[in-house]
C-alpha atoms as a PDB file:
ATOM      1  CA  UNK A   1      -0.862  -9.198   7.162  1.00  0.00           C
ATOM      2  CA  UNK A   2       1.880 -11.964   6.773  1.00  0.00           C
ATOM      3  CA  UNK A   3       3.457 -13.724   4.594  1.00  0.00           C
ATOM      4  CA  UNK A   4       6.451 -11.511   4.931  1.00  0.00           C
ATOM      5  CA  UNK A   5       9.130 -10.680   2.339  1.00  0.00           C
ATOM      6  CA  UNK A   6      12.213  -8.298   2.298  1.00  0.00           C
ATOM      7  CA  UNK A   7       9.870  -5.122   2.053  1.00  0.00           C
ATOM      8  CA  UNK A   8       8.653  -5.949   5.572  1.00  0.00           C
ATOM      9  CA  UNK A   9      12.102  -6.842   6.512  1.00  0.00           C
ATOM     10  CA  UNK A  10      13.167  -3.167   5.861  1.00  0.00           C
ATOM     11  CA  UNK A  11      10.430  -1.616   7.694  1.00  0.00           C
ATOM     12  CA  UNK A  12      11.818  -3.600  10.850  1.00  0.00           C
ATOM     13  CA  UNK A  13      15.263  -2.850   9.895  1.00  0.00           C
ATOM     14  CA  UNK A  14      14.351   0.932  10.013  1.00  0.00           C
ATOM     15  CA  UNK A  15      12.484   0.756  13.499  1.00  0.00           C
ATOM     16  CA  UNK A  16      15.534  -1.230  14.430  1.00  0.00           C
ATOM     17  CA  UNK A  17      17.639   1.631  13.811  1.00  0.00           C
ATOM     18  CA  UNK A  18      15.425   4.687  15.173  1.00  0.00           C
ATOM     19  CA  UNK A  19      13.738   2.995  18.426  1.00  0.00           C
ATOM     20  CA  UNK A  20      14.293   1.100  21.397  1.00  0.00           C
ATOM     21  CA  UNK A  21      11.946  -1.415  20.990  1.00  0.00           C
ATOM     22  CA  UNK A  22      10.153  -2.889  18.027  1.00  0.00           C
ATOM     23  CA  UNK A  23       6.842  -4.445  17.620  1.00  0.00           C
ATOM     24  CA  UNK A  24       5.078  -6.070  15.148  1.00  0.00           C
ATOM     25  CA  UNK A  25       1.963  -7.270  14.398  1.00  0.00           C
ATOM     26  CA  UNK A  26       0.412  -9.752  11.908  1.00  0.00           C
ATOM     27  CA  UNK A  27      -3.427  -9.848  11.656  1.00  0.00           C
ATOM     28  CA  UNK A  28      -5.562 -10.712   8.165  1.00  0.00           C
ATOM     29  CA  UNK A  29      -7.824  -7.904   8.700  1.00  0.00           C
ATOM     30  CA  UNK A  30     -11.374  -9.239   7.679  1.00  0.00           C
ATOM     31  CA  UNK A  31     -12.536  -5.637   7.189  1.00  0.00           C
ATOM     32  CA  UNK A  32     -10.194  -4.990   4.516  1.00  0.00           C
ATOM     33  CA  UNK A  33     -11.782  -7.723   2.321  1.00  0.00           C
ATOM     34  CA  UNK A  34     -14.864  -7.627   0.181  1.00  0.00           C
ATOM     35  CA  UNK A  35     -16.985 -10.864   0.061  1.00  0.00           C
ATOM     36  CA  UNK A  36     -15.490 -11.657  -3.282  1.00  0.00           C
ATOM     37  CA  UNK A  37     -12.120 -11.070  -2.598  1.00  0.00           C
ATOM     38  CA  UNK A  38      -9.189 -13.342  -1.258  1.00  0.00           C
ATOM     39  CA  UNK A  39      -9.904 -13.390   2.736  1.00  0.00           C
ATOM     40  CA  UNK A  40      -9.907 -17.012   2.780  1.00  0.00           C
ATOM     41  CA  UNK A  41      -7.084 -17.930   0.314  1.00  0.00           C
ATOM     42  CA  UNK A  42      -4.579 -14.934   1.567  1.00  0.00           C
ATOM     43  CA  UNK A  43      -1.164 -16.447   1.910  1.00  0.00           C
ATOM     44  CA  UNK A  44      -0.575 -16.898   5.631  1.00  0.00           C
ATOM     45  CA  UNK A  45       2.778 -18.269   6.498  1.00  0.00           C
ATOM     46  CA  UNK A  46       3.454 -18.067  10.175  1.00  0.00           C
ATOM     47  CA  UNK A  47       6.294 -20.766   9.898  1.00  0.00           C
ATOM     48  CA  UNK A  48       8.630 -18.190   7.950  1.00  0.00           C
ATOM     49  CA  UNK A  49       7.025 -15.078   9.439  1.00  0.00           C
ATOM     50  CA  UNK A  50       8.037 -15.910  12.954  1.00  0.00           C
ATOM     51  CA  UNK A  51      11.736 -16.552  12.391  1.00  0.00           C
ATOM     52  CA  UNK A  52      12.321 -13.715   9.753  1.00  0.00           C
ATOM     53  CA  UNK A  53      10.890 -11.340  12.582  1.00  0.00           C
ATOM     54  CA  UNK A  54      13.078 -12.736  15.139  1.00  0.00           C
ATOM     55  CA  UNK A  55      15.938 -12.230  12.728  1.00  0.00           C
ATOM     56  CA  UNK A  56      15.237  -8.907  11.905  1.00  0.00           C
ATOM     57  CA  UNK A  57      15.341  -7.891  15.665  1.00  0.00           C
ATOM     58  CA  UNK A  58      11.441  -7.622  16.726  1.00  0.00           C
ATOM     59  CA  UNK A  59      11.057  -7.653  20.389  1.00  0.00           C
ATOM     60  CA  UNK A  60       7.510  -8.224  20.671  1.00  0.00           C
ATOM     61  CA  UNK A  61       5.358  -9.970  17.873  1.00  0.00           C
ATOM     62  CA  UNK A  62       1.351  -9.161  18.488  1.00  0.00           C
ATOM     63  CA  UNK A  63      -0.819 -11.934  16.513  1.00  0.00           C
ATOM     64  CA  UNK A  64      -4.108 -11.258  17.594  1.00  0.00           C
ATOM     65  CA  UNK A  65      -7.393 -13.806  16.789  1.00  0.00           C
ATOM     66  CA  UNK A  66     -10.262 -12.235  14.953  1.00  0.00           C
ATOM     67  CA  UNK A  67     -12.123 -12.665  18.172  1.00  0.00           C
ATOM     68  CA  UNK A  68      -9.491 -10.679  20.230  1.00  0.00           C
ATOM     69  CA  UNK A  69      -9.740  -7.840  18.035  1.00  0.00           C
ATOM     70  CA  UNK A  70     -13.289  -7.729  16.874  1.00  0.00           C
ATOM     71  CA  UNK A  71     -15.107  -9.783  19.910  1.00  0.00           C
ATOM     72  CA  UNK A  72     -18.885  -8.296  19.469  1.00  0.00           C
ATOM     73  CA  UNK A  73     -18.346  -7.640  15.646  1.00  0.00           C
ATOM     74  CA  UNK A  74     -17.840  -4.279  14.022  1.00  0.00           C
ATOM     75  CA  UNK A  75     -20.263  -1.594  15.463  1.00  0.00           C
ATOM     76  CA  UNK A  76     -17.772   1.289  15.440  1.00  0.00           C
ATOM     77  CA  UNK A  77     -15.470   1.914  12.144  1.00  0.00           C
ATOM     78  CA  UNK A  78     -13.578   4.468  10.870  1.00  0.00           C
ATOM     79  CA  UNK A  79     -14.437   6.360   7.550  1.00  0.00           C
ATOM     80  CA  UNK A  80     -11.851   8.216   6.093  1.00  0.00           C
ATOM     81  CA  UNK A  81     -12.928  11.294   4.207  1.00  0.00           C
ATOM     82  CA  UNK A  82     -12.372  12.841   0.584  1.00  0.00           C
ATOM     83  CA  UNK A  83      -8.760  11.453   0.581  1.00  0.00           C
ATOM     84  CA  UNK A  84     -10.197   7.819   0.240  1.00  0.00           C
ATOM     85  CA  UNK A  85     -13.236   8.841  -2.107  1.00  0.00           C
ATOM     86  CA  UNK A  86     -11.167   7.686  -5.689  1.00  0.00           C
ATOM     87  CA  UNK A  87      -8.991   4.956  -6.814  1.00  0.00           C
ATOM     88  CA  UNK A  88      -8.796   2.243  -3.977  1.00  0.00           C
ATOM     89  CA  UNK A  89     -11.571   3.774  -2.284  1.00  0.00           C
ATOM     90  CA  UNK A  90     -13.554   3.894  -5.201  1.00  0.00           C
ATOM     91  CA  UNK A  91     -12.496   0.325  -6.742  1.00  0.00           C
ATOM     92  CA  UNK A  92     -12.471  -1.264  -3.615  1.00  0.00           C
ATOM     93  CA  UNK A  93     -15.638   0.073  -1.237  1.00  0.00           C
ATOM     94  CA  UNK A  94     -14.788  -0.159   2.530  1.00  0.00           C
ATOM     95  CA  UNK A  95     -11.259  -1.200   2.043  1.00  0.00           C
ATOM     96  CA  UNK A  96      -9.535   2.218   3.291  1.00  0.00           C
ATOM     97  CA  UNK A  97     -11.988   2.242   6.123  1.00  0.00           C
ATOM     98  CA  UNK A  98     -11.048  -1.418   7.325  1.00  0.00           C
ATOM     99  CA  UNK A  99      -7.326  -0.208   7.031  1.00  0.00           C
ATOM    100  CA  UNK A 100      -8.244   2.707   9.098  1.00  0.00           C
ATOM    101  CA  UNK A 101     -10.302   0.831  11.808  1.00  0.00           C
ATOM    102  CA  UNK A 102      -7.454  -2.054  12.328  1.00  0.00           C
ATOM    103  CA  UNK A 103      -4.743   0.608  12.471  1.00  0.00           C
ATOM    104  CA  UNK A 104      -6.455   2.840  15.099  1.00  0.00           C
ATOM    105  CA  UNK A 105      -7.091  -0.316  16.918  1.00  0.00           C
ATOM    106  CA  UNK A 106      -3.412  -1.406  16.922  1.00  0.00           C
ATOM    107  CA  UNK A 107      -2.375   1.908  17.701  1.00  0.00           C
ATOM    108  CA  UNK A 108      -4.644   2.046  20.778  1.00  0.00           C
ATOM    109  CA  UNK A 109      -3.483  -1.882  21.897  1.00  0.00           C
ATOM    110  CA  UNK A 110       0.425  -1.505  21.317  1.00  0.00           C
ATOM    111  CA  UNK A 111       0.465   2.278  21.978  1.00  0.00           C
ATOM    112  CA  UNK A 112       3.579   2.979  19.487  1.00  0.00           C
ATOM    113  CA  UNK A 113       5.476   6.277  19.412  1.00  0.00           C
ATOM    114  CA  UNK A 114       6.354   5.812  15.762  1.00  0.00           C
ATOM    115  CA  UNK A 115       4.634   3.571  13.070  1.00  0.00           C
ATOM    116  CA  UNK A 116       6.453   2.534   9.944  1.00  0.00           C
ATOM    117  CA  UNK A 117       4.558   2.180   6.564  1.00  0.00           C
ATOM    118  CA  UNK A 118       5.722   1.254   2.998  1.00  0.00           C
ATOM    119  CA  UNK A 119       4.867   3.282   0.304  1.00  0.00           C
ATOM    120  CA  UNK A 120       4.113   0.886  -2.009  1.00  0.00           C
ATOM    121  CA  UNK A 121       0.250   1.368  -0.707  1.00  0.00           C
ATOM    122  CA  UNK A 122       0.447   4.780  -1.093  1.00  0.00           C
ATOM    123  CA  UNK A 123      -3.067   5.761  -0.555  1.00  0.00           C
ATOM    124  CA  UNK A 124      -3.520   3.568   2.096  1.00  0.00           C
ATOM    125  CA  UNK A 125      -0.710   5.036   3.966  1.00  0.00           C
ATOM    126  CA  UNK A 126      -2.029   8.883   3.264  1.00  0.00           C
ATOM    127  CA  UNK A 127      -5.326   7.726   5.157  1.00  0.00           C
ATOM    128  CA  UNK A 128      -3.204   6.534   8.010  1.00  0.00           C
ATOM    129  CA  UNK A 129      -1.209   9.956   7.924  1.00  0.00           C
ATOM    130  CA  UNK A 130      -4.714  11.982   7.747  1.00  0.00           C
ATOM    131  CA  UNK A 131      -6.236  10.095  10.351  1.00  0.00           C
ATOM    132  CA  UNK A 132      -3.336   9.945  13.074  1.00  0.00           C
ATOM    133  CA  UNK A 133      -3.432  14.143  12.150  1.00  0.00           C
ATOM    134  CA  UNK A 134      -7.001  14.735  12.126  1.00  0.00           C
ATOM    135  CA  UNK A 135      -7.955  12.663  15.231  1.00  0.00           C
ATOM    136  CA  UNK A 136      -5.019  14.242  17.089  1.00  0.00           C
ATOM    137  CA  UNK A 137      -3.152  10.861  17.717  1.00  0.00           C
ATOM    138  CA  UNK A 138       0.450  10.977  19.299  1.00  0.00           C
ATOM    139  CA  UNK A 139       1.862   8.585  16.890  1.00  0.00           C
ATOM    140  CA  UNK A 140       4.410   9.615  14.284  1.00  0.00           C
ATOM    141  CA  UNK A 141       3.815   7.939  10.888  1.00  0.00           C
ATOM    142  CA  UNK A 142       7.164   7.175   9.002  1.00  0.00           C
ATOM    143  CA  UNK A 143       6.859   6.206   5.042  1.00  0.00           C
ATOM    144  CA  UNK A 144       9.296   3.710   3.818  1.00  0.00           C
ATOM    145  CA  UNK A 145      10.722   3.554   0.518  1.00  0.00           C
ATOM    146  CA  UNK A 146       8.976   0.759  -1.829  1.00  0.00           C
ATOM    147  CA  UNK A 147      11.457  -2.522  -2.146  1.00  0.00           C
ATOM    148  CA  UNK A 148      11.501  -4.010  -5.520  1.00  0.00           C
ATOM    149  CA  UNK A 149      12.749  -6.854  -7.459  1.00  0.00           C
ATOM    150  CA  UNK A 150      15.583  -6.360 -10.120  1.00  0.00           C
ATOM    151  CA  UNK A 151      13.239  -5.806 -12.587  1.00  0.00           C
ATOM    152  CA  UNK A 152      11.416  -3.438 -11.026  1.00  0.00           C
ATOM    153  CA  UNK A 153       8.370  -5.357  -9.476  1.00  0.00           C
ATOM    154  CA  UNK A 154       7.229  -3.959  -6.118  1.00  0.00           C
ATOM    155  CA  UNK A 155       7.473  -6.635  -3.387  1.00  0.00           C
ATOM    156  CA  UNK A 156       3.783  -7.707  -2.144  1.00  0.00           C
ATOM    157  CA  UNK A 157       2.608 -10.580  -0.472  1.00  0.00           C
ATOM    158  CA  UNK A 158      -0.077 -11.338  -3.075  1.00  0.00           C
ATOM    159  CA  UNK A 159       2.967 -12.202  -5.884  1.00  0.00           C
ATOM    160  CA  UNK A 160       3.117 -15.157  -4.411  1.00  0.00           C
ATOM    161  CA  UNK A 161      -0.136 -16.290  -6.661  1.00  0.00           C
ATOM    162  CA  UNK A 162       1.867 -15.361  -9.688  1.00  0.00           C
ATOM    163  CA  UNK A 163       2.539 -18.300 -12.148  1.00  0.00           C
ATOM    164  CA  UNK A 164       5.694 -18.363 -14.248  1.00  0.00           C
ATOM    165  CA  UNK A 165       4.294 -16.153 -17.048  1.00  0.00           C
ATOM    166  CA  UNK A 166       2.275 -14.047 -14.848  1.00  0.00           C
ATOM    167  CA  UNK A 167       5.640 -12.931 -13.007  1.00  0.00           C
ATOM    168  CA  UNK A 168       7.157 -12.025 -16.413  1.00  0.00           C
ATOM    169  CA  UNK A 169       4.458  -9.706 -17.328  1.00  0.00           C
ATOM    170  CA  UNK A 170       3.867  -8.156 -13.790  1.00  0.00           C
ATOM    171  CA  UNK A 171       6.763  -5.507 -14.275  1.00  0.00           C
ATOM    172  CA  UNK A 172       4.803  -3.869 -16.662  1.00  0.00           C
ATOM    173  CA  UNK A 173       2.714  -1.923 -14.417  1.00  0.00           C
ATOM    174  CA  UNK A 174       6.015  -0.086 -12.905  1.00  0.00           C
ATOM    175  CA  UNK A 175       7.308   0.544 -16.431  1.00  0.00           C
ATOM    176  CA  UNK A 176       3.805   2.129 -17.429  1.00  0.00           C
ATOM    177  CA  UNK A 177       4.053   4.377 -14.253  1.00  0.00           C
ATOM    178  CA  UNK A 178       7.604   5.257 -14.900  1.00  0.00           C
ATOM    179  CA  UNK A 179       6.588   6.155 -18.497  1.00  0.00           C
ATOM    180  CA  UNK A 180       4.003   8.964 -17.417  1.00  0.00           C
ATOM    181  CA  UNK A 181       6.580  10.159 -14.678  1.00  0.00           C
ATOM    182  CA  UNK A 182       8.780  10.713 -17.403  1.00  0.00           C
ATOM    183  CA  UNK A 183       6.753  12.341 -19.904  1.00  0.00           C
ATOM    184  CA  UNK A 184       5.538  14.703 -17.081  1.00  0.00           C
ATOM    185  CA  UNK A 185       9.150  15.328 -15.655  1.00  0.00           C
ATOM    186  CA  UNK A 186      10.404  16.346 -19.122  1.00  0.00           C
ATOM    187  CA  UNK A 187       7.752  19.242 -19.005  1.00  0.00           C
ATOM    188  CA  UNK A 188       4.533  17.821 -20.178  1.00  0.00           C
ATOM    189  CA  UNK A 189       1.417  19.178 -18.203  1.00  0.00           C
ATOM    190  CA  UNK A 190      -1.718  17.262 -19.882  1.00  0.00           C
ATOM    191  CA  UNK A 191      -1.909  13.883 -18.061  1.00  0.00           C
ATOM    192  CA  UNK A 192      -4.345  12.249 -20.191  1.00  0.00           C
ATOM    193  CA  UNK A 193      -1.934  11.644 -23.158  1.00  0.00           C
ATOM    194  CA  UNK A 194       0.908  10.712 -20.827  1.00  0.00           C
ATOM    195  CA  UNK A 195      -1.326   8.030 -19.219  1.00  0.00           C
ATOM    196  CA  UNK A 196      -2.917   6.523 -22.944  1.00  0.00           C
ATOM    197  CA  UNK A 197       0.575   6.003 -23.678  1.00  0.00           C
ATOM    198  CA  UNK A 198       1.269   4.235 -20.746  1.00  0.00           C
ATOM    199  CA  UNK A 199      -1.720   2.137 -20.733  1.00  0.00           C
ATOM    200  CA  UNK A 200      -0.597   0.778 -24.440  1.00  0.00           C
ATOM    201  CA  UNK A 201       2.398  -0.652 -22.487  1.00  0.00           C
ATOM    202  CA  UNK A 202       0.218  -2.964 -20.177  1.00  0.00           C
ATOM    203  CA  UNK A 203      -0.883  -5.858 -21.776  1.00  0.00           C
ATOM    204  CA  UNK A 204      -1.043  -8.753 -21.136  1.00  0.00           C
ATOM    205  CA  UNK A 205      -1.846  -6.935 -17.806  1.00  0.00           C
ATOM    206  CA  UNK A 206      -5.493  -5.574 -18.035  1.00  0.00           C
ATOM    207  CA  UNK A 207      -5.945  -2.021 -16.598  1.00  0.00           C
ATOM    208  CA  UNK A 208      -7.947  -1.330 -13.360  1.00  0.00           C
ATOM    209  CA  UNK A 209      -6.423   2.486 -13.129  1.00  0.00           C
ATOM    210  CA  UNK A 210      -3.887   4.910 -13.829  1.00  0.00           C
ATOM    211  CA  UNK A 211      -3.852   8.436 -12.427  1.00  0.00           C
ATOM    212  CA  UNK A 212      -1.733  11.154 -11.297  1.00  0.00           C
ATOM    213  CA  UNK A 213      -2.545  12.789  -7.786  1.00  0.00           C
ATOM    214  CA  UNK A 214      -1.309  15.279  -5.555  1.00  0.00           C
ATOM    215  CA  UNK A 215      -0.370  13.094  -2.478  1.00  0.00           C
ATOM    216  CA  UNK A 216      -2.218  15.016   0.050  1.00  0.00           C
ATOM    217  CA  UNK A 217      -5.747  14.784  -1.695  1.00  0.00           C
ATOM    218  CA  UNK A 218      -5.570  11.949  -3.738  1.00  0.00           C
ATOM    219  CA  UNK A 219      -8.087  13.219  -6.426  1.00  0.00           C
ATOM    220  CA  UNK A 220      -6.948  12.656 -10.256  1.00  0.00           C
ATOM    221  CA  UNK A 221      -5.601  15.522 -11.876  1.00  0.00           C
ATOM    222  CA  UNK A 222      -6.195  16.709 -15.571  1.00  0.00           C
ATOM    223  CA  UNK A 223      -2.783  18.696 -15.664  1.00  0.00           C
ATOM    224  CA  UNK A 224       0.501  18.552 -13.787  1.00  0.00           C
ATOM    225  CA  UNK A 225       1.087  21.748 -11.792  1.00  0.00           C
ATOM    226  CA  UNK A 226       4.602  23.139 -12.342  1.00  0.00           C
ATOM    227  CA  UNK A 227       7.121  22.541  -9.278  1.00  0.00           C
ATOM    228  CA  UNK A 228       4.917  19.854  -7.705  1.00  0.00           C
ATOM    229  CA  UNK A 229       6.005  16.491  -6.053  1.00  0.00           C
ATOM    230  CA  UNK A 230       2.850  14.135  -7.345  1.00  0.00           C
ATOM    231  CA  UNK A 231       2.401  10.500  -7.324  1.00  0.00           C
ATOM    232  CA  UNK A 232       1.650   8.387 -10.611  1.00  0.00           C
ATOM    233  CA  UNK A 233      -0.558   5.484  -9.582  1.00  0.00           C
ATOM    234  CA  UNK A 234      -1.905   2.460 -11.135  1.00  0.00           C
ATOM    235  CA  UNK A 235      -3.510  -0.892 -10.706  1.00  0.00           C
ATOM    236  CA  UNK A 236      -4.034  -3.740 -12.985  1.00  0.00           C
ATOM    237  CA  UNK A 237      -5.041  -7.541 -13.043  1.00  0.00           C
ATOM    238  CA  UNK A 238      -1.956 -10.021 -14.021  1.00  0.00           C
ATOM    239  CA  UNK A 239      -4.121 -13.201 -14.485  1.00  0.00           C
ATOM    240  CA  UNK A 240      -6.377 -12.979 -11.209  1.00  0.00           C
ATOM    241  CA  UNK A 241      -3.912 -11.180  -9.338  1.00  0.00           C
ATOM    242  CA  UNK A 242      -4.327  -7.462  -8.486  1.00  0.00           C
ATOM    243  CA  UNK A 243      -1.379  -5.288  -8.598  1.00  0.00           C
ATOM    244  CA  UNK A 244      -0.921  -2.101  -7.322  1.00  0.00           C
ATOM    245  CA  UNK A 245       1.950   0.161  -7.611  1.00  0.00           C
ATOM    246  CA  UNK A 246       3.187   4.012  -7.654  1.00  0.00           C
ATOM    247  CA  UNK A 247       5.867   6.215  -8.530  1.00  0.00           C
ATOM    248  CA  UNK A 248       6.781   9.737  -7.476  1.00  0.00           C
ATOM    249  CA  UNK A 249       6.628  12.611 -10.075  1.00  0.00           C
ATOM    250  CA  UNK A 250       8.762  15.739  -9.461  1.00  0.00           C
ATOM    251  CA  UNK A 251       7.552  18.280 -12.424  1.00  0.00           C
ATOM    252  CA  UNK A 252       9.837  21.133 -13.505  1.00  0.00           C
END
């Protein structure tokens, strides 16, 4: 959606290595925002984004208007199934439907063979991958690692909202998720105690949710199964800015 950073550059770099042609789109999608959210103030920096993409090796940049993408409003949308029931789906009703709808439209317009998505938005990525599978779409979806600052903060366009003190506190979400992962990877099975301890590390961040899920279902688990690849996910408010992040958990 613009306000590009090194995380976006990493997606372009991966595509550039693996594909003959690379297309990028920038579109601040209104379907992804509730009326009380930050659509109007979401950072828009085309003067920086365009040269960044050019330097990274993008062949085509697609920057449609709202009228081009939704000329007659939004009569038909995609409704994700159970994978969108919890977490972001619960906290931000309509958000994941908005993501799936715009991705389907962009796939239909651009017709890519391969699409690259960052793992920071884990549930969003899972919804897109499930849509492609369930609707027999020809695209191949590639998940790319989250890019982080040296202190662990996941890169995000919304990090631009943070003031100095908020920026210092922001990595606490990542540290809390790592704490959950470490306990489960050490053999603990009960998730609630691990999450409770991690929540204590968050202040001054304000908790939205912390959970551990099977990445194929995105339903919060009560216990960690053995020899499983799981995700610890969280969302928290840093001042007025909502941060999200996730880390992989590999249980013994």
